[in-house]
């Protein structure tokens, strides 16, 4: 049996009402399974105590899908450039203060938010900025087009324990499209050193966005291309198969 532990649900704010149940469930599962896969090194630390079957395996992306050229969407064609893009659910784990700071400090830019609004009142302060555009949920096939025709992609998460335990899928897809990416810190961010920009404060985030908007070569270095290819699902699946082979080999030896 394999436990694919997606994020660290025991510290997710929205799940505090059932935390005791989650703690018991985690304990029950990890005592019975043969292999535990984690998307982030943060929960791996607490699950690894006394165990040797816990492995960190980051998320990946469909690299070829992300690289395939696409026409600009109707919405982006009408939007003033440069375009600062966020793709994903709009919920409380997103730092609305960072978004407000970007909209305020980059008045000549367009802040484009693609995704369903899960908590509308939380994002109400952004409505006062004329350069902020809520485009709602979009089909998955259109997401690559939005990313390809953006100037900078952002991932402005809050920094509680839960978001620090994540390994967002949204980091890999913009990199595959050779886009500049600015994000708040995540566990395991050392893996992305020199490939994208991480900020530890809202002020630093805004400054990094401004820097990313300046003309510069696209991501094309040998090391960066190698890293992007390593994020392909084919490579991630290969890693899982190796772990399965090693683990099953130990069990049957």
Protein backbone atom coordinates (compact mmCIF):
# COMPACT_ATOMS: atom_id res chain seq x y z
CA UNK A 1 0.00 0.00 0.00
CA UNK A 2 1.18 3.51 -0.88
CA UNK A 3 0.20 6.76 0.86
CA UNK A 4 0.41 9.79 -1.44
CA UNK A 5 0.35 12.60 1.12
CA UNK A 6 -0.79 15.71 -0.76
CA UNK A 7 0.04 18.79 1.37
CA UNK A 8 -0.14 18.66 5.16
CA UNK A 9 -3.85 18.53 5.97
CA UNK A 10 -3.33 18.42 9.74
CA UNK A 11 -2.24 22.07 9.73
CA UNK A 12 -4.65 23.39 7.10
CA UNK A 13 -6.66 26.27 8.70
CA UNK A 14 -9.91 25.23 6.97
CA UNK A 15 -9.62 21.74 8.50
CA UNK A 16 -9.10 22.73 12.14
CA UNK A 17 -12.63 21.55 13.00
CA UNK A 18 -11.69 17.97 12.16
CA UNK A 19 -8.04 18.10 13.17
CA UNK A 20 -8.35 15.32 15.77
CA UNK A 21 -9.84 13.02 13.14
CA UNK A 22 -7.07 13.92 10.70
CA UNK A 23 -4.35 13.23 13.29
CA UNK A 24 -5.81 9.79 14.02
CA UNK A 25 -6.22 9.06 10.32
CA UNK A 26 -2.61 10.01 9.52
CA UNK A 27 -1.32 7.86 12.40
CA UNK A 28 -3.43 4.90 11.30
CA UNK A 29 -2.40 5.17 7.65
CA UNK A 30 1.34 5.65 8.11
CA UNK A 31 1.53 2.66 10.45
CA UNK A 32 0.03 0.37 7.79
CA UNK A 33 1.43 1.50 4.43
CA UNK A 34 4.62 0.26 2.77
CA UNK A 35 5.59 3.54 1.06
CA UNK A 36 4.84 7.20 1.81
CA UNK A 37 5.30 9.89 -0.86
CA UNK A 38 5.30 13.59 0.13
CA UNK A 39 5.16 16.64 -2.17
CA UNK A 40 7.11 18.77 0.30
CA UNK A 41 9.99 18.15 2.73
CA UNK A 42 8.07 19.88 5.56
CA UNK A 43 5.56 17.11 6.44
CA UNK A 44 8.20 14.56 5.53
CA UNK A 45 10.19 15.67 8.58
CA UNK A 46 7.41 14.84 11.04
CA UNK A 47 6.35 11.62 9.27
CA UNK A 48 9.90 10.29 8.98
CA UNK A 49 10.46 9.83 12.73
CA UNK A 50 11.38 6.20 13.21
CA UNK A 51 10.59 5.34 9.58
CA UNK A 52 12.66 4.73 6.45
CA UNK A 53 9.82 4.48 3.94
CA UNK A 54 9.08 8.23 3.55
CA UNK A 55 10.24 10.00 0.38
CA UNK A 56 9.98 13.55 -0.93
CA UNK A 57 8.74 13.61 -4.53
CA UNK A 58 7.86 17.13 -5.78
CA UNK A 59 5.04 17.83 -8.20
CA UNK A 60 5.64 18.06 -11.92
CA UNK A 61 4.11 19.35 -15.13
CA UNK A 62 3.16 18.29 -18.63
CA UNK A 63 6.13 20.05 -20.21
CA UNK A 64 5.19 19.46 -23.85
CA UNK A 65 1.62 20.62 -23.21
CA UNK A 66 2.91 23.81 -21.58
CA UNK A 67 5.42 24.52 -24.37
CA UNK A 68 3.03 24.02 -27.31
CA UNK A 69 2.43 27.52 -28.82
CA UNK A 70 -1.09 28.87 -28.36
CA UNK A 71 -2.96 31.93 -29.58
CA UNK A 72 -3.58 34.73 -27.13
CA UNK A 73 -6.98 34.56 -25.44
CA UNK A 74 -9.64 37.13 -26.22
CA UNK A 75 -9.47 38.50 -22.67
CA UNK A 76 -5.68 39.01 -22.69
CA UNK A 77 -5.77 40.55 -26.18
CA UNK A 78 -7.94 43.33 -24.71
CA UNK A 79 -5.83 43.76 -21.58
CA UNK A 80 -3.11 46.46 -21.37
CA UNK A 81 0.43 45.12 -21.02
CA UNK A 82 2.53 44.24 -19.17
CA UNK A 83 0.44 41.43 -17.69
CA UNK A 84 1.07 40.04 -14.20
CA UNK A 85 -0.75 36.72 -13.97
CA UNK A 86 -1.99 34.47 -11.17
CA UNK A 87 -3.70 31.19 -12.05
CA UNK A 88 -5.49 29.14 -9.40
CA UNK A 89 -8.29 29.18 -6.85
CA UNK A 90 -8.77 32.55 -5.20
CA UNK A 91 -9.02 31.65 -1.52
CA UNK A 92 -7.63 32.81 1.81
CA UNK A 93 -4.26 31.13 1.37
CA UNK A 94 -3.54 33.85 -1.23
CA UNK A 95 -1.96 36.99 0.24
CA UNK A 96 -4.40 39.74 -0.76
CA UNK A 97 -2.03 42.40 0.65
CA UNK A 98 0.60 41.39 -1.91
CA UNK A 99 -1.97 41.58 -4.71
CA UNK A 100 -3.13 45.01 -3.53
CA UNK A 101 0.48 46.18 -3.36
CA UNK A 102 1.15 45.02 -6.93
CA UNK A 103 -1.99 46.73 -8.24
CA UNK A 104 -1.12 49.95 -6.41
CA UNK A 105 2.61 50.06 -7.17
CA UNK A 106 2.35 48.92 -10.81
CA UNK A 107 -0.48 51.15 -12.14
CA UNK A 108 0.68 50.78 -15.75
CA UNK A 109 0.50 46.98 -15.49
CA UNK A 110 -2.52 44.67 -15.50
CA UNK A 111 -3.00 42.24 -12.61
CA UNK A 112 -4.88 39.31 -14.12
CA UNK A 113 -6.41 36.67 -11.83
CA UNK A 114 -7.61 33.47 -13.49
CA UNK A 115 -9.58 31.05 -11.32
CA UNK A 116 -12.77 30.70 -9.27
CA UNK A 117 -13.26 33.05 -6.32
CA UNK A 118 -13.80 30.75 -3.34
CA UNK A 119 -14.01 33.55 -0.74
CA UNK A 120 -15.41 36.69 -2.49
CA UNK A 121 -15.41 39.06 0.53
CA UNK A 122 -11.70 38.39 1.09
CA UNK A 123 -10.85 39.75 -2.38
CA UNK A 124 -13.24 42.71 -2.26
CA UNK A 125 -10.40 45.23 -1.56
CA UNK A 126 -8.96 44.50 -5.02
CA UNK A 127 -12.16 45.69 -6.73
CA UNK A 128 -11.09 49.31 -6.26
CA UNK A 129 -8.12 48.92 -8.61
CA UNK A 130 -9.00 49.50 -12.26
CA UNK A 131 -5.93 47.54 -13.39
CA UNK A 132 -7.09 44.33 -11.65
CA UNK A 133 -9.03 41.82 -13.76
CA UNK A 134 -10.93 38.81 -12.38
CA UNK A 135 -11.44 36.40 -15.28
CA UNK A 136 -12.97 33.49 -13.39
CA UNK A 137 -12.58 29.77 -13.97
CA UNK A 138 -11.12 28.71 -17.33
CA UNK A 139 -10.82 25.31 -19.06
CA UNK A 140 -7.51 23.57 -18.45
CA UNK A 141 -6.65 23.71 -22.17
CA UNK A 142 -6.78 27.53 -22.02
CA UNK A 143 -4.47 27.87 -19.01
CA UNK A 144 -1.32 27.35 -21.09
CA UNK A 145 -2.39 30.21 -23.38
CA UNK A 146 -2.82 32.59 -20.44
CA UNK A 147 0.61 31.64 -19.10
CA UNK A 148 2.37 31.91 -22.47
CA UNK A 149 1.05 35.42 -23.10
CA UNK A 150 1.68 36.80 -19.62
CA UNK A 151 4.78 38.84 -18.82
CA UNK A 152 5.24 37.64 -15.23
CA UNK A 153 3.56 34.81 -13.35
CA UNK A 154 3.09 35.10 -9.59
CA UNK A 155 2.36 32.78 -6.67
CA UNK A 156 1.62 35.02 -3.64
CA UNK A 157 0.75 32.60 -0.83
CA UNK A 158 0.29 33.41 2.83
CA UNK A 159 3.05 31.90 4.97
CA UNK A 160 1.40 29.79 7.69
CA UNK A 161 2.41 26.19 8.31
CA UNK A 162 0.03 24.79 5.69
CA UNK A 163 1.24 26.80 2.68
CA UNK A 164 4.83 26.18 3.75
CA UNK A 165 4.07 22.45 3.40
CA UNK A 166 2.93 22.80 -0.21
CA UNK A 167 4.74 22.16 -3.48
CA UNK A 168 2.52 24.08 -5.90
CA UNK A 169 1.87 22.67 -9.36
CA UNK A 170 1.66 26.26 -10.54
CA UNK A 171 5.43 26.67 -10.24
CA UNK A 172 6.31 24.17 -12.95
CA UNK A 173 3.94 25.17 -15.75
CA UNK A 174 5.20 28.80 -16.10
CA UNK A 175 8.79 27.56 -16.03
CA UNK A 176 7.99 25.13 -18.85
CA UNK A 177 6.66 28.11 -20.83
CA UNK A 178 9.94 30.00 -20.11
CA UNK A 179 8.20 32.65 -18.01
CA UNK A 180 9.55 34.83 -15.22
CA UNK A 181 8.06 33.65 -11.91
CA UNK A 182 7.86 35.40 -8.54
CA UNK A 183 6.65 33.42 -5.52
CA UNK A 184 6.54 33.48 -1.76
CA UNK A 185 8.85 30.98 -0.09
CA UNK A 186 7.95 27.30 0.00
CA UNK A 187 9.71 24.39 1.65
CA UNK A 188 12.26 22.95 -0.72
CA UNK A 189 12.66 26.25 -2.57
CA UNK A 190 16.39 25.55 -2.75
CA UNK A 191 15.51 23.21 -5.61
CA UNK A 192 14.53 26.31 -7.63
CA UNK A 193 17.61 28.39 -6.74
CA UNK A 194 18.61 30.64 -9.63
CA UNK A 195 15.55 29.60 -11.65
CA UNK A 196 12.78 31.70 -10.12
CA UNK A 197 12.47 34.50 -7.59
CA UNK A 198 11.32 33.96 -3.99
CA UNK A 199 10.19 36.72 -1.64
CA UNK A 200 9.87 36.60 2.14
CA UNK A 201 7.92 39.87 2.60
CA UNK A 202 5.19 41.70 0.61
CA UNK A 203 7.62 44.56 -0.07
CA UNK A 204 10.23 42.19 -1.45
CA UNK A 205 7.59 40.46 -3.56
CA UNK A 206 6.51 43.73 -5.19
CA UNK A 207 10.14 44.71 -5.86
CA UNK A 208 10.84 41.34 -7.47
CA UNK A 209 7.77 41.70 -9.71
CA UNK A 210 9.04 45.10 -10.81
CA UNK A 211 12.46 43.60 -11.54
CA UNK A 212 10.92 40.69 -13.46
CA UNK A 213 9.04 43.10 -15.73
CA UNK A 214 12.29 44.58 -17.02
CA UNK A 215 13.42 43.21 -20.42
CA UNK A 216 15.70 40.19 -20.11
CA UNK A 217 16.47 36.93 -21.92
CA UNK A 218 14.01 34.07 -21.50
CA UNK A 219 14.95 31.01 -19.44
CA UNK A 220 17.27 29.18 -21.80
CA UNK A 221 20.39 28.24 -19.85
CA UNK A 222 21.52 24.62 -19.87
CA UNK A 223 20.96 24.19 -16.11
CA UNK A 224 17.51 25.74 -16.28
CA UNK A 225 16.44 23.60 -19.23
CA UNK A 226 17.72 20.53 -17.40
CA UNK A 227 15.73 21.49 -14.31
CA UNK A 228 12.54 22.07 -16.30
CA UNK A 229 12.90 18.69 -18.02
CA UNK A 230 13.39 17.08 -14.60
CA UNK A 231 9.96 18.42 -13.60
CA UNK A 232 8.24 16.46 -16.39
CA UNK A 233 5.69 13.92 -15.20
CA UNK A 234 7.57 11.25 -17.13
CA UNK A 235 10.59 11.85 -14.88
CA UNK A 236 8.47 11.92 -11.72
CA UNK A 237 6.81 8.63 -12.70
CA UNK A 238 10.24 7.14 -13.30
CA UNK A 239 11.23 8.11 -9.75
CA UNK A 240 8.09 6.46 -8.35
CA UNK A 241 8.81 3.24 -10.27
CA UNK A 242 12.35 3.16 -8.87
CA UNK A 243 11.04 3.62 -5.32
CA UNK A 244 8.46 0.87 -5.87
CA UNK A 245 11.11 -1.48 -7.21
CA UNK A 246 13.48 -0.80 -4.31
CA UNK A 247 10.75 -1.02 -1.69
CA UNK A 248 9.14 -4.16 -3.08
CA UNK A 249 12.57 -5.68 -3.50
CA UNK A 250 13.29 -5.18 0.21
CA UNK A 251 9.91 -6.65 1.14
CA UNK A 252 10.36 -9.80 -0.96
CA UNK A 253 14.06 -10.37 -0.26
